[in-house]
Amino acid sequence: MKKELSRRSGVQIAAELMKLLGGRLSAVMLLAVLNGSLGFLCAMGVPFFGAVGITKTLGESIPLSYGAIAALCIGCGVLRGGLRYLEQYGNHYIAFRLLAVLRDKIFTKLRALCPAKLENRQKGSLLTMITADIETLEVFYAHTVSPVCIAVLVSLAVMVVTGLAASWYLSLIAAAAYLCIGVLLPRFFSRRMAETGMRYRRELGDFGAYFLDSIKGIRELVLYNAGEARAAEVDRRSDAMLGRTKALKRETALSAAATEVAVSLSVLAVLAVGIFLVHSGSLSAGRMVLGVTAVFGSFGPVIAVSALPANLNQTFASGERILRLLEEQPEVEAVENGTELSYEGLEVHDLSFAYGGETVLKGVSMTARKNEIVGIVGESGCGKSTLLKLLLRFWERSGGQIRYNGTDIDEINTESLYRNVTMVSQSTYLFDATIAENLRVAKPDATDEELMAALRMASAEELVQALPEGLSTPAGLLGGRLSMGERQRIGLARAFLSGCPLILLDEPTSNVDSINEGVILRALFKHRQGRTIVLVSHRASAMAVADRVYKMENGQMKEQAI
C-alpha cells in the first residue's frame, strides 16, 4: 500500500523540491541560513558571556574586562534581533516567490494536459492541489530547509566551543544528544507518520472533490430527496478525516514528548559528567560552567528539527502530488513549428480510434465545407463526441486521416488550430463573472458592440437586454442565475464572437426544451455563411437545419440522404 501512495522517499522529494530554487533563490537561501546560524549563536552568546563573567569571578584567567563582557552580552542581544529578522525575511521571500513560480508551473502544466487528461479529473482534488498543497510547501521552504541547516551549523559550532573552552568529553555528549534529538527521533517518528500523512493528503483531496460535487449537485439532491444520504456520507468522510487528523496529532504529541525527555536526559548527562570531571580534577569549576552553559543553550535548533516530522510528512505528501502532476505527460504534444491554418474545409478519411483497449471509432469518413451545416446524428455513446474531440486533437488517432485544407492535423500548430476551430459542449460552462466577461473569454478585446452582435447572432440579444444589468449582469457561480437554454445561447454567442470559421456543436440542444432548441437551430441556420458548423445530436429534429447528415452507429458513420 505504501508504494501506491508514494513513489519517492522523503529525501528524493526534498531534493527535487530544492532543484526548483534556481541560482538566485539559492543565494538568498544561503544568506538566510548564515543569518539564522549567526543569530542563534548570538542568542546563545548572551548567557554564554554571562557565564564568562561568572567564570572570571571564580578566578579563571579570562582576557576580557567586565565591561567588555557586558558589552558582548548587550551586542549579542541586539544582533540577535536583526539577524533573526533577516533570516525570516529571506526564508519567506524564497517561500512566496517560489510558491508563485509553482503556481505558474502548475497552471502551465494544466494547460498542457487539458482538455483530454483533465476531463475525468476530480475538480475538488485539483483545487486542493492548487490551494492547500501549494500552501503546505511554504512550510518546507520557509520552516524546514533553513532550520535543518542552522541546526547542523550551530551544533558543530557549539561542539567546537565546548571542546576548546571546557572539555571534549562534554562535546561528545552534546554530539550524541544532537544526533538523538535531531536525527534518530525525527527519523523514527517520520516513518511512523509517513503512511498516515500520505493518506491524509490523498483523502483530503478526495473529500474536497466529493464536497464540491455535493454543492454543485444540491438541486438534484433536493429534488430526489437524497440530501440526507449525501449528508450522511459527507459526515462519514469528515469523521474519517478527523480520525486521520487525530492520529497525526497523537504522533506529533508523542514526538514532542520524546524530544523533551531526550533533552532533559541530555542536560542531566552533561551536568553529571561536568561535575564528575570537576570532582576528579580534570576540569575547573569555571570551565565546567562555560561548557555546561554552552550545551544547555544549544538545543533550540535540534528541537526545531525534531518537531518537523508531522509537518514534513504533510509537506512531502503535497510535494509528491505536485511533482507527479508536473511529470505527467499530455495525451498529445502541442505542435509549435508546424503549419499555420486558415480554415477552408475539413476532410476525415477512414478514421479509427481506440481508448483503453476498446475500439470507439472505426473507418469514419466525412467532409465539411464552408457555408454549410454538417449534421451527425446517433444514439448516446456511439462515438459522436469522441469524433469532435479528435477534430480538436484531444487524443492521437489510432489510424486514418484528419485533414484541414489538405494538411494533416498533426502538422498544424496547436494554437493556430484553436484559432480556427472551437467547440460548444452540451453543458456550457459560465464563470462566476458578468455576461460580458464570460463572452470576452473568446475575445478579450471585444467591444460592447461586438458582444451584442454575437448575442444577436445567437438569438440571445433580447435575453441579455432584459436582464437587470444587461451585459454587466453576473452569471452566478457555475452560471446558476441563468437557465440551461440561456447558458447554451450564451455559449453559442461566445463561439460566434471567437470568429472561428469551424464551430463544433456537441449536443447543443440536448438539455433544452423545444422552444429553445428552435431558437438555437434558427440562429445556426441564419449565420452559417462564412463558416462551417458541425452539429452533433441524438435528436433527429436537430438535423432539420443540416445541409448534409451523417448517421453514426457503433463507431461507424454513413452519409444519409436528406
Protein backbone atom coordinates (compact mmCIF):
# COMPACT_ATOMS: atom_id res chain seq x y z
CA MET A 1 0.00 0.00 0.00
CA LYS A 2 2.86 2.36 0.78
CA LYS A 3 4.21 2.10 -2.74
CA GLU A 4 0.82 3.02 -4.08
CA LEU A 5 0.78 6.22 -2.04
CA SER A 6 4.34 7.41 -2.65
CA ARG A 7 6.83 6.57 -5.36
CA ARG A 8 9.62 8.64 -3.80
CA SER A 9 11.34 8.76 -0.45
CA GLY A 10 11.27 11.93 1.61
CA VAL A 11 14.89 12.60 0.66
CA GLN A 12 14.07 12.35 -3.07
CA ILE A 13 11.08 14.68 -2.72
CA ALA A 14 13.16 17.19 -0.75
CA ALA A 15 15.94 17.05 -3.35
CA GLU A 16 13.52 17.64 -6.24
CA LEU A 17 11.81 20.49 -4.41
CA MET A 18 15.22 22.08 -3.79
CA LYS A 19 16.01 21.90 -7.52
CA LEU A 20 13.18 24.35 -8.08
CA LEU A 21 15.05 27.07 -6.19
CA GLY A 22 17.38 28.12 -9.00
CA GLY A 23 20.55 30.21 -8.66
CA ARG A 24 19.19 33.50 -7.32
CA LEU A 25 16.91 31.92 -4.73
CA SER A 26 19.68 29.51 -3.67
CA ALA A 27 21.86 32.52 -2.83
CA VAL A 28 19.04 34.01 -0.75
CA MET A 29 18.61 30.66 1.00
CA LEU A 30 22.34 30.59 1.83
CA LEU A 31 22.14 34.09 3.32
CA ALA A 32 19.07 33.09 5.35
CA VAL A 33 20.95 30.06 6.76
CA LEU A 34 24.01 32.16 7.64
CA ASN A 35 21.86 34.86 9.25
CA GLY A 36 19.91 32.23 11.18
CA SER A 37 23.05 30.45 12.39
CA LEU A 38 24.76 33.66 13.47
CA GLY A 39 21.52 34.85 15.06
CA PHE A 40 21.17 31.73 17.17
CA LEU A 41 24.83 31.87 18.17
CA CYS A 42 24.21 35.48 19.26
CA ALA A 43 21.18 34.32 21.27
CA MET A 44 23.42 31.74 22.95
CA GLY A 45 26.08 34.40 23.39
CA VAL A 46 24.04 36.31 25.98
CA PRO A 47 24.03 33.54 28.63
CA PHE A 48 27.45 32.30 27.48
CA PHE A 49 29.18 35.62 28.06
CA GLY A 50 27.24 35.88 31.32
CA ALA A 51 28.86 32.56 32.25
CA VAL A 52 32.21 34.02 31.17
CA GLY A 53 31.70 36.78 33.72
CA ILE A 54 30.89 34.23 36.42
CA THR A 55 33.95 32.20 35.44
CA LYS A 56 36.12 35.30 35.72
CA THR A 57 34.64 35.92 39.19
CA LEU A 58 35.55 32.34 40.15
CA GLY A 59 39.18 33.13 39.42
CA GLU A 60 39.63 31.79 35.90
CA SER A 61 42.05 33.68 33.68
CA ILE A 62 39.76 35.45 31.22
CA PRO A 63 41.45 38.07 28.97
CA LEU A 64 38.36 40.29 28.98
CA SER A 65 37.30 43.07 31.31
CA TYR A 66 33.89 43.01 32.95
CA GLY A 67 32.93 45.98 30.78
CA ALA A 68 33.90 44.13 27.61
CA ILE A 69 31.94 41.07 28.76
CA ALA A 70 28.87 43.23 29.45
CA ALA A 71 29.25 44.90 26.03
CA LEU A 72 29.42 41.49 24.32
CA CYS A 73 26.24 40.38 26.10
CA ILE A 74 24.39 43.51 25.01
CA GLY A 75 25.82 43.33 21.48
CA CYS A 76 24.73 39.70 21.07
CA GLY A 77 21.21 40.57 22.20
CA VAL A 78 20.94 43.44 19.72
CA LEU A 79 22.45 41.46 16.83
CA ARG A 80 20.12 38.55 17.55
CA GLY A 81 17.07 40.66 16.72
CA GLY A 82 18.48 41.97 13.45
CA LEU A 83 19.81 38.62 12.27
CA ARG A 84 16.55 36.87 13.17
CA TYR A 85 14.64 39.40 11.08
CA LEU A 86 16.96 38.90 8.09
CA GLU A 87 16.67 35.12 8.40
CA GLN A 88 12.87 35.17 8.46
CA TYR A 89 12.71 37.74 5.68
CA GLY A 90 14.97 35.61 3.48
CA ASN A 91 13.09 32.39 4.17
CA HIS A 92 9.68 33.88 3.45
CA TYR A 93 10.95 35.77 0.42
CA ILE A 94 12.10 32.43 -1.01
CA ALA A 95 8.90 30.67 0.02
CA PHE A 96 6.45 33.13 -1.51
CA ARG A 97 8.49 33.77 -4.65
CA LEU A 98 8.76 30.03 -5.20
CA LEU A 99 5.07 29.46 -4.47
CA ALA A 100 4.30 31.94 -7.24
CA VAL A 101 6.65 30.04 -9.55
CA LEU A 102 5.00 26.74 -8.59
CA ARG A 103 1.50 28.09 -9.25
CA ASP A 104 2.67 29.26 -12.66
CA LYS A 105 4.20 25.84 -13.37
CA ILE A 106 1.02 24.04 -12.29
CA PHE A 107 -1.27 26.21 -14.41
CA THR A 108 1.12 25.83 -17.36
CA LYS A 109 1.07 22.06 -16.88
CA LEU A 110 -2.73 22.01 -16.58
CA ARG A 111 -2.95 23.93 -19.86
CA ALA A 112 -0.69 21.34 -21.49
CA LEU A 113 -2.70 18.43 -20.05
CA CYS A 114 -6.10 19.82 -20.89
CA PRO A 115 -8.54 19.08 -22.10
CA ALA A 116 -8.00 15.34 -22.64
CA LYS A 117 -6.32 14.45 -19.34
CA LEU A 118 -8.47 16.72 -17.21
CA GLU A 119 -11.89 15.60 -18.42
CA ASN A 120 -12.24 12.89 -15.79
CA ARG A 121 -10.13 14.52 -13.08
CA GLN A 122 -11.82 15.35 -9.81
CA LYS A 123 -12.05 19.13 -9.79
CA GLY A 124 -12.03 19.26 -6.00
CA SER A 125 -8.75 17.33 -5.93
CA LEU A 126 -7.19 19.78 -8.39
CA LEU A 127 -8.50 22.67 -6.31
CA THR A 128 -6.89 21.18 -3.20
CA MET A 129 -3.60 20.84 -5.06
CA ILE A 130 -3.62 24.43 -6.31
CA THR A 131 -4.50 25.84 -2.87
CA ALA A 132 -3.75 23.61 0.12
CA ASP A 133 -0.85 21.61 -1.35
CA ILE A 134 0.90 24.72 -2.64
CA GLU A 135 0.48 26.48 0.70
CA THR A 136 1.83 23.41 2.52
CA LEU A 137 5.08 23.70 0.57
CA GLU A 138 5.59 27.12 2.17
CA VAL A 139 6.39 25.18 5.36
CA PHE A 140 9.16 23.31 3.55
CA TYR A 141 10.88 26.32 2.05
CA ALA A 142 10.39 28.76 4.96
CA HIS A 143 10.44 26.47 8.01
CA THR A 144 12.28 23.26 7.09
CA VAL A 145 15.36 23.76 4.92
CA SER A 146 16.78 26.67 6.88
CA PRO A 147 16.19 25.17 10.37
CA VAL A 148 17.91 21.91 9.37
CA CYS A 149 20.96 23.77 8.06
CA ILE A 150 21.02 26.04 11.11
CA ALA A 151 20.83 23.03 13.44
CA VAL A 152 23.85 21.43 11.76
CA LEU A 153 25.98 24.60 11.77
CA VAL A 154 25.07 25.65 15.32
CA SER A 155 25.64 22.14 16.70
CA LEU A 156 29.08 21.95 15.12
CA ALA A 157 29.98 25.40 16.43
CA VAL A 158 28.83 24.54 19.97
CA MET A 159 30.78 21.27 19.94
CA VAL A 160 33.96 23.09 18.96
CA VAL A 161 33.46 25.91 21.51
CA THR A 162 32.61 23.42 24.27
CA GLY A 163 35.63 21.31 23.46
CA LEU A 164 38.02 24.26 23.44
CA ALA A 165 36.53 26.21 26.36
CA ALA A 166 35.74 23.26 28.65
CA SER A 167 36.16 19.57 27.74
CA TRP A 168 35.88 17.39 24.67
CA TYR A 169 34.00 14.85 26.80
CA LEU A 170 31.18 17.34 27.18
CA SER A 171 31.42 17.96 23.45
CA LEU A 172 30.99 14.23 22.71
CA ILE A 173 27.93 14.02 24.97
CA ALA A 174 26.46 17.04 23.19
CA ALA A 175 27.14 15.36 19.81
CA ALA A 176 25.32 12.21 20.93
CA ALA A 177 22.39 14.32 22.16
CA TYR A 178 22.20 16.26 18.87
CA LEU A 179 22.27 13.00 16.91
CA CYS A 180 19.49 11.50 19.01
CA ILE A 181 17.23 14.59 19.10
CA GLY A 182 17.89 15.95 15.62
CA VAL A 183 18.26 12.73 13.59
CA LEU A 184 17.17 9.49 15.26
CA LEU A 185 13.93 10.70 16.86
CA PRO A 186 12.72 12.65 13.76
CA ARG A 187 13.54 9.68 11.53
CA PHE A 188 11.70 7.27 13.82
CA PHE A 189 8.55 9.38 14.06
CA SER A 190 8.72 10.35 10.40
CA ARG A 191 8.47 6.69 9.45
CA ARG A 192 5.60 6.19 11.89
CA MET A 193 3.67 9.12 10.41
CA ALA A 194 4.61 8.69 6.74
CA GLU A 195 1.71 6.49 5.64
CA THR A 196 -0.83 8.38 7.76
CA GLY A 197 0.36 11.68 6.27
CA MET A 198 0.17 10.40 2.72
CA ARG A 199 -3.32 9.00 3.28
CA TYR A 200 -4.43 12.24 4.89
CA ARG A 201 -3.39 14.39 1.91
CA ARG A 202 -4.96 11.95 -0.58
CA GLU A 203 -8.22 11.68 1.36
CA LEU A 204 -8.30 15.46 1.82
CA GLY A 205 -8.26 15.86 -1.96
CA ASP A 206 -10.96 13.20 -2.38
CA PHE A 207 -13.09 14.82 0.32
CA GLY A 208 -12.75 18.22 -1.38
CA ALA A 209 -13.86 16.70 -4.67
CA TYR A 210 -16.83 14.93 -3.06
CA PHE A 211 -17.91 18.03 -1.15
CA LEU A 212 -17.64 20.27 -4.25
CA ASP A 213 -19.63 17.69 -6.21
CA SER A 214 -22.29 17.75 -3.48
CA ILE A 215 -22.55 21.54 -3.65
CA LYS A 216 -22.80 21.51 -7.44
CA GLY A 217 -25.50 18.83 -7.36
CA ILE A 218 -27.50 20.26 -4.46
CA ARG A 219 -30.59 20.81 -6.62
CA GLU A 220 -30.72 17.18 -7.72
CA LEU A 221 -30.17 16.01 -4.16
CA VAL A 222 -33.15 18.08 -3.00
CA LEU A 223 -35.39 17.05 -5.91
CA TYR A 224 -34.74 13.34 -5.39
CA ASN A 225 -34.82 13.56 -1.58
CA ALA A 226 -31.25 12.28 -1.44
CA GLY A 227 -29.92 15.05 0.78
CA GLU A 228 -29.88 13.03 3.99
CA ALA A 229 -27.99 10.14 2.43
CA ARG A 230 -25.46 12.53 0.89
CA ALA A 231 -25.09 14.42 4.17
CA ALA A 232 -24.51 11.14 5.98
CA GLU A 233 -21.75 10.25 3.53
CA VAL A 234 -20.20 13.72 3.94
CA ASP A 235 -20.29 13.18 7.72
CA ARG A 236 -18.72 9.75 7.35
CA ARG A 237 -15.89 11.10 5.23
CA SER A 238 -15.48 14.04 7.58
CA ASP A 239 -15.23 11.67 10.54
CA ALA A 240 -12.64 9.63 8.65
CA MET A 241 -10.63 12.82 8.06
CA LEU A 242 -10.98 13.67 11.74
CA GLY A 243 -9.64 10.23 12.60
CA ARG A 244 -6.61 10.79 10.38
CA THR A 245 -6.06 14.20 11.96
CA LYS A 246 -6.26 12.75 15.48
CA ALA A 247 -3.76 10.05 14.53
CA LEU A 248 -1.34 12.69 13.23
CA LYS A 249 -1.81 14.86 16.32
CA ARG A 250 -1.25 11.87 18.60
CA GLU A 251 2.00 11.00 16.86
CA THR A 252 3.04 14.67 16.96
CA ALA A 253 2.41 14.79 20.72
CA LEU A 254 4.43 11.60 21.24
CA SER A 255 7.26 13.06 19.17
CA ALA A 256 7.27 16.27 21.22
CA ALA A 257 7.20 14.33 24.50
CA ALA A 258 10.06 12.06 23.39
CA THR A 259 12.08 15.12 22.40
CA GLU A 260 11.54 16.81 25.76
CA VAL A 261 12.59 13.65 27.60
CA ALA A 262 15.70 13.33 25.41
CA VAL A 263 16.64 16.97 26.05
CA SER A 264 16.18 16.58 29.81
CA LEU A 265 18.29 13.42 29.89
CA SER A 266 20.97 15.09 27.77
CA VAL A 267 21.11 18.09 30.09
CA LEU A 268 21.42 15.79 33.11
CA ALA A 269 24.15 13.78 31.37
CA VAL A 270 26.19 16.89 30.54
CA LEU A 271 25.78 18.23 34.07
CA ALA A 272 26.69 14.89 35.65
CA VAL A 273 29.82 14.45 33.52
CA GLY A 274 30.82 18.07 34.16
CA ILE A 275 30.52 17.58 37.93
CA PHE A 276 32.44 14.31 37.66
CA LEU A 277 35.25 16.00 35.73
CA VAL A 278 35.43 18.80 38.30
CA HIS A 279 35.39 16.28 41.14
CA SER A 280 38.18 14.25 39.51
CA GLY A 281 40.29 17.36 38.99
CA SER A 282 40.18 17.11 35.18
CA LEU A 283 38.20 20.34 34.82
CA SER A 284 37.94 23.54 36.81
CA ALA A 285 34.56 24.72 38.09
CA GLY A 286 34.72 27.85 35.96
CA ARG A 287 35.43 25.94 32.77
CA MET A 288 32.67 23.47 33.64
CA VAL A 289 30.22 26.37 33.93
CA LEU A 290 31.24 27.59 30.46
CA GLY A 291 30.83 24.17 28.85
CA VAL A 292 27.56 23.33 30.55
CA THR A 293 26.10 26.78 29.72
CA ALA A 294 27.11 26.43 26.06
CA VAL A 295 25.48 23.00 25.75
CA PHE A 296 22.37 23.90 27.76
CA GLY A 297 21.52 26.77 25.44
CA SER A 298 22.19 24.91 22.20
CA PHE A 299 19.22 22.55 21.95
CA GLY A 300 16.85 25.04 20.30
CA PRO A 301 17.83 24.29 16.68
CA VAL A 302 17.76 20.48 17.08
CA ILE A 303 14.43 20.71 18.94
CA ALA A 304 13.09 22.66 15.94
CA VAL A 305 14.30 19.84 13.67
CA SER A 306 12.74 17.16 15.88
CA ALA A 307 9.36 18.93 15.57
CA LEU A 308 9.41 18.68 11.78
CA PRO A 309 8.12 15.12 11.09
CA ALA A 310 4.38 15.91 11.41
CA ASN A 311 4.50 18.91 9.09
CA LEU A 312 7.18 17.34 6.95
CA ASN A 313 5.06 14.31 6.17
CA GLN A 314 2.25 16.61 5.07
CA THR A 315 4.76 18.61 3.04
CA PHE A 316 6.21 15.54 1.35
CA ALA A 317 2.72 14.23 0.57
CA SER A 318 1.83 17.58 -1.03
CA GLY A 319 5.18 17.75 -2.80
CA GLU A 320 4.67 14.23 -4.17
CA ARG A 321 1.27 15.15 -5.60
CA ILE A 322 2.61 18.30 -7.22
CA LEU A 323 5.73 16.61 -8.60
CA ARG A 324 3.58 13.84 -10.09
CA LEU A 325 1.45 16.43 -11.84
CA LEU A 326 4.50 18.30 -13.17
CA GLU A 327 5.89 15.00 -14.50
CA GLU A 328 2.66 13.91 -16.15
CA GLN A 329 2.75 13.80 -19.92
CA PRO A 330 -0.12 15.14 -22.05
CA GLU A 331 -2.09 12.82 -24.29
CA VAL A 332 -0.73 14.77 -27.26
CA GLU A 333 2.20 17.15 -27.52
CA ALA A 334 1.42 20.66 -28.74
CA VAL A 335 2.62 21.41 -32.28
CA GLU A 336 4.66 24.62 -32.35
CA ASN A 337 6.73 24.55 -35.52
CA GLY A 338 4.11 23.31 -37.94
CA THR A 339 1.74 24.89 -40.46
CA GLU A 340 -0.46 27.90 -39.80
CA LEU A 341 -4.10 27.21 -40.59
CA SER A 342 -6.58 29.42 -42.38
CA TYR A 343 -9.59 27.14 -42.48
CA GLU A 344 -11.35 26.41 -45.76
CA GLY A 345 -12.50 22.82 -45.39
CA LEU A 346 -12.24 19.57 -43.44
CA GLU A 347 -11.78 16.00 -44.64
CA VAL A 348 -11.84 12.89 -42.46
CA HIS A 349 -10.92 9.59 -44.09
CA ASP A 350 -11.03 6.09 -42.60
CA LEU A 351 -10.58 7.44 -39.06
CA SER A 352 -10.25 4.93 -36.22
CA PHE A 353 -9.72 5.39 -32.52
CA ALA A 354 -9.40 3.10 -29.52
CA TYR A 355 -9.27 4.14 -25.89
CA GLY A 356 -8.32 1.87 -23.03
CA GLY A 357 -8.24 -1.14 -25.34
CA GLU A 358 -11.81 -0.52 -26.53
CA THR A 359 -12.49 0.46 -30.15
CA VAL A 360 -14.57 3.64 -30.23
CA LEU A 361 -14.38 4.67 -33.90
CA LYS A 362 -13.63 2.57 -36.97
CA GLY A 363 -13.46 3.62 -40.60
CA VAL A 364 -15.14 7.03 -40.11
CA SER A 365 -15.11 9.35 -43.13
CA MET A 366 -16.74 12.74 -43.66
CA THR A 367 -16.25 16.13 -45.30
CA ALA A 368 -17.24 19.61 -44.23
CA ARG A 369 -17.07 22.79 -46.31
CA LYS A 370 -17.61 26.44 -45.64
CA ASN A 371 -21.13 27.88 -45.63
CA GLU A 372 -22.75 24.61 -44.59
CA ILE A 373 -24.07 22.80 -41.56
CA VAL A 374 -23.00 19.18 -41.30
CA GLY A 375 -25.18 17.08 -39.03
CA ILE A 376 -24.09 13.94 -37.21
CA VAL A 377 -26.89 12.00 -35.56
CA GLY A 378 -26.74 8.89 -33.43
CA GLU A 379 -27.58 7.39 -30.08
CA SER A 380 -25.71 8.42 -26.94
CA GLY A 381 -22.40 6.62 -26.56
CA CYS A 382 -21.94 5.81 -30.25
CA GLY A 383 -18.77 7.95 -30.60
CA LYS A 384 -20.11 11.31 -31.80
CA SER A 385 -18.46 13.38 -29.06
CA THR A 386 -15.22 11.44 -29.44
CA LEU A 387 -15.12 12.37 -33.13
CA LEU A 388 -15.44 16.08 -32.33
CA LYS A 389 -12.64 15.85 -29.77
CA LEU A 390 -10.39 14.14 -32.30
CA LEU A 391 -11.06 17.03 -34.69
CA LEU A 392 -9.51 19.25 -31.98
CA ARG A 393 -6.69 16.72 -31.40
CA PHE A 394 -7.57 15.87 -27.82
CA TRP A 395 -6.04 12.44 -28.43
CA GLU A 396 -3.86 10.80 -31.06
CA ARG A 397 -5.95 8.85 -33.53
CA SER A 398 -5.32 5.15 -33.98
CA GLY A 399 -5.49 5.32 -37.76
CA GLY A 400 -6.88 7.22 -40.74
CA GLN A 401 -6.60 10.90 -41.63
CA ILE A 402 -7.92 14.25 -40.40
CA ARG A 403 -7.03 17.00 -42.85
CA TYR A 404 -7.69 20.73 -42.80
CA ASN A 405 -7.19 22.36 -46.20
CA GLY A 406 -5.39 19.15 -47.18
CA THR A 407 -2.92 19.42 -44.26
CA ASP A 408 -2.77 16.65 -41.67
CA ILE A 409 -3.92 17.77 -38.22
CA ASP A 410 -0.63 16.63 -36.65
CA GLU A 411 1.24 19.15 -38.80
CA ILE A 412 -0.86 22.17 -37.81
CA ASN A 413 0.28 24.45 -34.99
CA THR A 414 -1.94 23.81 -31.97
CA GLU A 415 -2.61 27.50 -31.27
CA SER A 416 -3.49 28.03 -34.92
CA LEU A 417 -5.88 25.06 -34.80
CA TYR A 418 -7.67 26.57 -31.78
CA ARG A 419 -7.90 29.95 -33.52
CA ASN A 420 -9.79 28.27 -36.35
CA VAL A 421 -11.81 25.59 -34.59
CA THR A 422 -13.91 25.90 -31.44
CA MET A 423 -16.38 23.63 -29.70
CA VAL A 424 -19.56 24.25 -27.71
CA SER A 425 -20.35 21.35 -25.40
CA GLN A 426 -23.79 20.19 -24.32
CA SER A 427 -23.26 21.83 -20.93
CA THR A 428 -21.88 25.33 -21.44
CA TYR A 429 -19.63 26.45 -18.60
CA LEU A 430 -20.05 30.01 -17.42
CA PHE A 431 -17.62 31.59 -14.98
CA ASP A 432 -18.76 33.38 -11.84
CA ALA A 433 -18.45 36.69 -13.65
CA THR A 434 -20.59 39.06 -15.72
CA ILE A 435 -22.12 38.12 -19.06
CA ALA A 436 -19.63 40.44 -20.77
CA GLU A 437 -16.64 38.85 -19.02
CA ASN A 438 -17.88 35.38 -19.95
CA LEU A 439 -18.18 36.38 -23.59
CA ARG A 440 -14.75 38.04 -23.64
CA VAL A 441 -13.17 34.68 -22.82
CA ALA A 442 -13.40 34.17 -26.60
CA LYS A 443 -12.12 37.65 -27.49
CA PRO A 444 -10.63 39.69 -24.62
CA ASP A 445 -10.56 42.99 -26.52
CA ALA A 446 -14.13 42.78 -27.88
CA THR A 447 -16.20 45.94 -27.64
CA ASP A 448 -19.72 46.03 -26.21
CA GLU A 449 -21.00 46.41 -29.79
CA GLU A 450 -19.19 43.22 -30.81
CA LEU A 451 -20.62 41.42 -27.79
CA MET A 452 -24.16 42.48 -28.69
CA ALA A 453 -23.59 41.45 -32.31
CA ALA A 454 -22.51 37.98 -31.18
CA LEU A 455 -25.52 37.73 -28.87
CA ARG A 456 -27.76 38.79 -31.76
CA MET A 457 -26.32 36.00 -33.91
CA ALA A 458 -27.11 33.52 -31.13
CA SER A 459 -30.64 34.91 -30.70
CA ALA A 460 -29.67 36.00 -27.18
CA GLU A 461 -29.68 39.79 -27.59
CA GLU A 462 -33.18 40.28 -26.19
CA LEU A 463 -32.40 37.87 -23.37
CA VAL A 464 -29.43 39.95 -22.20
CA GLN A 465 -31.21 43.27 -22.69
CA ALA A 466 -33.99 42.02 -20.41
CA LEU A 467 -31.55 41.23 -17.60
CA PRO A 468 -31.30 43.78 -14.75
CA GLU A 469 -27.80 45.00 -15.63
CA GLY A 470 -27.54 43.89 -19.25
CA LEU A 471 -24.02 42.80 -20.15
CA SER A 472 -22.90 43.62 -16.59
CA THR A 473 -25.30 41.09 -15.08
CA PRO A 474 -23.41 38.44 -13.05
CA ALA A 475 -23.90 34.94 -14.42
CA GLY A 476 -23.55 33.49 -10.91
CA LEU A 477 -21.49 30.55 -9.75
CA LEU A 478 -21.49 27.89 -12.50
CA GLY A 479 -23.93 30.11 -14.42
CA GLY A 480 -26.57 29.42 -11.77
CA ARG A 481 -28.55 32.61 -12.45
CA LEU A 482 -29.35 31.51 -16.00
CA SER A 483 -31.43 28.64 -17.30
CA MET A 484 -29.84 25.84 -19.30
CA GLY A 485 -31.20 27.23 -22.56
CA GLU A 486 -29.90 30.71 -21.74
CA ARG A 487 -26.49 29.33 -20.93
CA GLN A 488 -26.42 27.42 -24.21
CA ARG A 489 -27.22 30.59 -26.15
CA ILE A 490 -24.50 32.50 -24.27
CA GLY A 491 -22.10 29.68 -25.14
CA LEU A 492 -23.13 29.87 -28.80
CA ALA A 493 -22.63 33.65 -28.77
CA ARG A 494 -19.17 33.08 -27.34
CA ALA A 495 -18.39 30.73 -30.23
CA PHE A 496 -19.62 33.29 -32.79
CA LEU A 497 -17.57 36.02 -31.06
CA SER A 498 -14.39 33.95 -31.33
CA GLY A 499 -14.57 34.30 -35.11
CA CYS A 500 -13.59 30.66 -35.62
CA PRO A 501 -14.66 29.55 -39.10
CA LEU A 502 -15.34 25.98 -37.88
CA ILE A 503 -17.72 25.54 -34.94
CA LEU A 504 -18.25 22.10 -33.43
CA LEU A 505 -21.50 21.77 -31.51
CA ASP A 506 -21.78 18.78 -29.19
CA GLU A 507 -25.45 18.17 -28.35
CA PRO A 508 -26.23 21.91 -28.05
CA THR A 509 -29.95 21.27 -27.66
CA SER A 510 -29.96 18.10 -25.56
CA ASN A 511 -30.65 19.90 -22.29
CA VAL A 512 -33.12 22.50 -23.53
CA ASP A 513 -36.82 22.49 -24.34
CA SER A 514 -38.25 22.51 -27.86
CA ILE A 515 -38.66 26.31 -27.86
CA ASN A 516 -35.00 26.94 -27.01
CA GLU A 517 -34.00 24.23 -29.46
CA GLY A 518 -35.83 26.03 -32.22
CA VAL A 519 -34.21 29.36 -31.26
CA ILE A 520 -30.71 27.83 -31.33
CA LEU A 521 -31.25 25.96 -34.61
CA ARG A 522 -32.64 29.06 -36.35
CA ALA A 523 -29.60 31.03 -35.18
CA LEU A 524 -27.26 28.38 -36.60
CA PHE A 525 -29.04 28.25 -39.93
CA LYS A 526 -29.16 32.03 -40.28
CA HIS A 527 -25.47 32.60 -39.54
CA ARG A 528 -23.76 29.68 -41.23
CA GLN A 529 -22.40 31.87 -44.04
CA GLY A 530 -18.62 32.18 -43.94
CA ARG A 531 -18.23 29.29 -41.53
CA THR A 532 -18.75 25.56 -41.14
CA ILE A 533 -20.92 24.21 -38.37
CA VAL A 534 -20.71 20.56 -37.37
CA LEU A 535 -23.84 19.77 -35.39
CA VAL A 536 -23.87 16.60 -33.29
CA SER A 537 -27.11 15.43 -31.74
CA HIS A 538 -29.06 12.33 -30.82
CA ARG A 539 -32.25 14.17 -31.80
CA ALA A 540 -33.34 13.71 -35.41
CA SER A 541 -35.24 17.01 -35.11
CA ALA A 542 -31.95 18.90 -34.77
CA MET A 543 -30.92 17.72 -38.24
CA ALA A 544 -33.63 19.84 -39.91
CA VAL A 545 -31.14 22.70 -40.48
CA ALA A 546 -28.29 20.49 -41.75
CA ASP A 547 -27.14 20.61 -45.37
CA ARG A 548 -25.74 17.10 -45.06
CA VAL A 549 -26.34 14.45 -42.41
CA TYR A 550 -24.22 11.54 -41.27
CA LYS A 551 -25.60 8.77 -39.09
CA MET A 552 -23.23 7.22 -36.57
CA GLU A 553 -23.82 3.79 -35.12
CA ASN A 554 -21.43 1.60 -33.12
CA GLY A 555 -18.43 3.75 -34.03
CA GLN A 556 -19.17 3.70 -37.78
CA MET A 557 -20.66 6.53 -39.85
CA LYS A 558 -22.55 6.76 -43.12
CA GLU A 559 -23.99 9.72 -45.01
CA GLN A 560 -27.77 9.83 -45.18
CA ALA A 561 -29.98 11.23 -47.87
CA ILE A 562 -31.92 14.29 -46.69
